[in-house]
């Protein structure tokens, strides 16, 4: 029951950030990441994590190095370019969102009209 509570809390924070643009500090971000990593470690165990990671990396390498077929797959260079582009876009969005911090304006506090502030 405790493990589901940890996951529920992390998901609530994620939903809060996504829906209401709640800002979290970098320390909170690192703390939630550590809590999630501990939850995965406790649930799966070290051996299972190593085997899943190895299988994923093997699959990723096979997809990366697979030769392109004329009829069913994109050429290898196009696939690599698409994968690199997607990773770059995700990275830019995450870094931009982290630097933005979810704050709109510092002109007036939330809930206070601009004329009062």
C-alpha atoms as a PDB file:
ATOM      1  CA  UNK A   1       0.000   0.000   0.000  1.00  0.00           C
ATOM      2  CA  UNK A   2       2.867   2.385   0.722  1.00  0.00           C
ATOM      3  CA  UNK A   3       4.417   1.908  -2.724  1.00  0.00           C
ATOM      4  CA  UNK A   4       1.191   2.869  -4.468  1.00  0.00           C
ATOM      5  CA  UNK A   5       1.010   5.960  -2.256  1.00  0.00           C
ATOM      6  CA  UNK A   6       4.462   7.081  -3.430  1.00  0.00           C
ATOM      7  CA  UNK A   7       3.525   6.546  -7.069  1.00  0.00           C
ATOM      8  CA  UNK A   8       0.207   8.368  -6.523  1.00  0.00           C
ATOM      9  CA  UNK A   9       2.003  11.376  -5.016  1.00  0.00           C
ATOM     10  CA  UNK A  10       4.474  11.563  -7.900  1.00  0.00           C
ATOM     11  CA  UNK A  11       1.672  11.307 -10.467  1.00  0.00           C
ATOM     12  CA  UNK A  12      -0.309  14.030  -8.655  1.00  0.00           C
ATOM     13  CA  UNK A  13       2.677  16.361  -8.857  1.00  0.00           C
ATOM     14  CA  UNK A  14       3.155  15.595 -12.563  1.00  0.00           C
ATOM     15  CA  UNK A  15      -0.523  16.240 -13.302  1.00  0.00           C
ATOM     16  CA  UNK A  16      -0.426  19.440 -11.237  1.00  0.00           C
ATOM     17  CA  UNK A  17       2.560  20.715 -13.223  1.00  0.00           C
ATOM     18  CA  UNK A  18       0.931  19.795 -16.543  1.00  0.00           C
ATOM     19  CA  UNK A  19      -2.565  21.163 -15.860  1.00  0.00           C
ATOM     20  CA  UNK A  20      -2.063  24.133 -13.540  1.00  0.00           C
ATOM     21  CA  UNK A  21       1.548  25.053 -14.415  1.00  0.00           C
ATOM     22  CA  UNK A  22       2.603  24.565 -10.814  1.00  0.00           C
ATOM     23  CA  UNK A  23       6.285  25.327 -10.521  1.00  0.00           C
ATOM     24  CA  UNK A  24       8.580  22.952  -8.678  1.00  0.00           C
ATOM     25  CA  UNK A  25      12.127  23.645  -7.632  1.00  0.00           C
ATOM     26  CA  UNK A  26      15.110  21.728  -8.911  1.00  0.00           C
ATOM     27  CA  UNK A  27      15.501  20.124  -5.485  1.00  0.00           C
ATOM     28  CA  UNK A  28      11.917  18.848  -5.641  1.00  0.00           C
ATOM     29  CA  UNK A  29      12.520  17.561  -9.176  1.00  0.00           C
ATOM     30  CA  UNK A  30      15.591  15.629  -8.047  1.00  0.00           C
ATOM     31  CA  UNK A  31      13.739  14.338  -4.990  1.00  0.00           C
ATOM     32  CA  UNK A  32      10.825  13.016  -7.052  1.00  0.00           C
ATOM     33  CA  UNK A  33      13.292  11.389  -9.426  1.00  0.00           C
ATOM     34  CA  UNK A  34      15.082   9.665  -6.547  1.00  0.00           C
ATOM     35  CA  UNK A  35      11.757   8.512  -5.086  1.00  0.00           C
ATOM     36  CA  UNK A  36      10.672   7.105  -8.454  1.00  0.00           C
ATOM     37  CA  UNK A  37      14.026   5.378  -8.975  1.00  0.00           C
ATOM     38  CA  UNK A  38      13.800   3.859  -5.490  1.00  0.00           C
ATOM     39  CA  UNK A  39      10.263   2.681  -6.196  1.00  0.00           C
ATOM     40  CA  UNK A  40      11.353   0.984  -9.431  1.00  0.00           C
ATOM     41  CA  UNK A  41      14.383  -0.546  -7.730  1.00  0.00           C
ATOM     42  CA  UNK A  42      12.302  -1.908  -4.852  1.00  0.00           C
ATOM     43  CA  UNK A  43       9.593  -3.249  -7.166  1.00  0.00           C
ATOM     44  CA  UNK A  44      11.831  -4.917  -9.762  1.00  0.00           C
ATOM     45  CA  UNK A  45      15.087  -5.699  -8.006  1.00  0.00           C
ATOM     46  CA  UNK A  46      18.580  -5.136  -9.363  1.00  0.00           C
ATOM     47  CA  UNK A  47      18.808  -8.264 -11.535  1.00  0.00           C
ATOM     48  CA  UNK A  48      15.491  -7.547 -13.268  1.00  0.00           C
ATOM     49  CA  UNK A  49      16.494  -3.924 -13.889  1.00  0.00           C
ATOM     50  CA  UNK A  50      19.799  -5.020 -15.438  1.00  0.00           C
ATOM     51  CA  UNK A  51      18.124  -7.609 -17.677  1.00  0.00           C
ATOM     52  CA  UNK A  52      15.418  -5.170 -18.848  1.00  0.00           C
ATOM     53  CA  UNK A  53      17.996  -2.453 -19.525  1.00  0.00           C
ATOM     54  CA  UNK A  54      20.225  -4.876 -21.430  1.00  0.00           C
ATOM     55  CA  UNK A  55      17.298  -6.129 -23.512  1.00  0.00           C
ATOM     56  CA  UNK A  56      16.206  -2.550 -24.288  1.00  0.00           C
ATOM     57  CA  UNK A  57      19.715  -1.479 -25.306  1.00  0.00           C
ATOM     58  CA  UNK A  58      20.065  -4.584 -27.498  1.00  0.00           C
ATOM     59  CA  UNK A  59      16.743  -3.812 -29.184  1.00  0.00           C
ATOM     60  CA  UNK A  60      17.690  -0.143 -29.627  1.00  0.00           C
ATOM     61  CA  UNK A  61      21.034  -1.100 -31.186  1.00  0.00           C
ATOM     62  CA  UNK A  62      19.270  -3.524 -33.550  1.00  0.00           C
ATOM     63  CA  UNK A  63      16.826  -0.812 -34.627  1.00  0.00           C
ATOM     64  CA  UNK A  64      19.636   1.711 -35.021  1.00  0.00           C
ATOM     65  CA  UNK A  65      21.827  -0.594 -37.127  1.00  0.00           C
ATOM     66  CA  UNK A  66      19.110  -2.387 -39.129  1.00  0.00           C
ATOM     67  CA  UNK A  67      19.489  -1.928 -42.863  1.00  0.00           C
ATOM     68  CA  UNK A  68      16.598  -0.146 -44.568  1.00  0.00           C
ATOM     69  CA  UNK A  69      14.438  -2.046 -47.003  1.00  0.00           C
ATOM     70  CA  UNK A  70      13.058  -0.239 -50.043  1.00  0.00           C
ATOM     71  CA  UNK A  71       9.451  -1.281 -49.476  1.00  0.00           C
ATOM     72  CA  UNK A  72       8.896  -1.503 -45.718  1.00  0.00           C
ATOM     73  CA  UNK A  73      11.368   0.737 -43.920  1.00  0.00           C
ATOM     74  CA  UNK A  74      12.893   4.140 -44.181  1.00  0.00           C
ATOM     75  CA  UNK A  75      16.562   4.312 -45.109  1.00  0.00           C
ATOM     76  CA  UNK A  76      18.962   3.999 -42.205  1.00  0.00           C
ATOM     77  CA  UNK A  77      20.153   7.617 -42.439  1.00  0.00           C
ATOM     78  CA  UNK A  78      16.572   8.926 -42.343  1.00  0.00           C
ATOM     79  CA  UNK A  79      15.724   6.808 -39.290  1.00  0.00           C
ATOM     80  CA  UNK A  80      18.821   7.996 -37.479  1.00  0.00           C
ATOM     81  CA  UNK A  81      18.029  11.592 -38.356  1.00  0.00           C
ATOM     82  CA  UNK A  82      14.441  11.248 -37.138  1.00  0.00           C
ATOM     83  CA  UNK A  83      15.529   9.620 -33.878  1.00  0.00           C
ATOM     84  CA  UNK A  84      18.165  12.291 -33.291  1.00  0.00           C
ATOM     85  CA  UNK A  85      15.629  15.027 -34.074  1.00  0.00           C
ATOM     86  CA  UNK A  86      13.033  13.612 -31.689  1.00  0.00           C
ATOM     87  CA  UNK A  87      15.601  13.323 -28.896  1.00  0.00           C
ATOM     88  CA  UNK A  88      16.758  16.897 -29.547  1.00  0.00           C
ATOM     89  CA  UNK A  89      13.194  18.249 -29.505  1.00  0.00           C
ATOM     90  CA  UNK A  90      12.362  16.433 -26.265  1.00  0.00           C
ATOM     91  CA  UNK A  91      15.574  17.739 -24.698  1.00  0.00           C
ATOM     92  CA  UNK A  92      14.880  21.334 -25.759  1.00  0.00           C
ATOM     93  CA  UNK A  93      11.292  21.174 -24.495  1.00  0.00           C
ATOM     94  CA  UNK A  94      12.361  19.745 -21.129  1.00  0.00           C
ATOM     95  CA  UNK A  95      15.196  22.227 -20.640  1.00  0.00           C
ATOM     96  CA  UNK A  96      13.006  25.123 -21.798  1.00  0.00           C
ATOM     97  CA  UNK A  97      10.213  24.083 -19.455  1.00  0.00           C
ATOM     98  CA  UNK A  98      12.650  23.729 -16.586  1.00  0.00           C
ATOM     99  CA  UNK A  99      14.157  27.163 -17.227  1.00  0.00           C
ATOM    100  CA  UNK A 100      10.741  28.775 -17.727  1.00  0.00           C
ATOM    101  CA  UNK A 101       9.564  27.452 -14.378  1.00  0.00           C
ATOM    102  CA  UNK A 102       5.856  27.873 -15.098  1.00  0.00           C
ATOM    103  CA  UNK A 103       5.675  31.527 -14.035  1.00  0.00           C
ATOM    104  CA  UNK A 104       3.678  33.835 -16.254  1.00  0.00           C
ATOM    105  CA  UNK A 105       4.538  37.301 -15.065  1.00  0.00           C
ATOM    106  CA  UNK A 106       5.944  38.975 -11.999  1.00  0.00           C
ATOM    107  CA  UNK A 107       3.777  42.088 -12.435  1.00  0.00           C
ATOM    108  CA  UNK A 108       1.169  41.071  -9.847  1.00  0.00           C
ATOM    109  CA  UNK A 109       0.827  38.213  -7.385  1.00  0.00           C
ATOM    110  CA  UNK A 110      -1.653  35.500  -8.233  1.00  0.00           C
ATOM    111  CA  UNK A 111      -5.208  36.464  -7.270  1.00  0.00           C
ATOM    112  CA  UNK A 112      -4.401  40.152  -6.798  1.00  0.00           C
ATOM    113  CA  UNK A 113      -5.600  42.635  -9.446  1.00  0.00           C
ATOM    114  CA  UNK A 114      -2.870  44.574 -11.203  1.00  0.00           C
ATOM    115  CA  UNK A 115      -4.255  47.896  -9.938  1.00  0.00           C
ATOM    116  CA  UNK A 116      -3.813  46.815  -6.289  1.00  0.00           C
ATOM    117  CA  UNK A 117      -0.303  45.470  -6.715  1.00  0.00           C
END
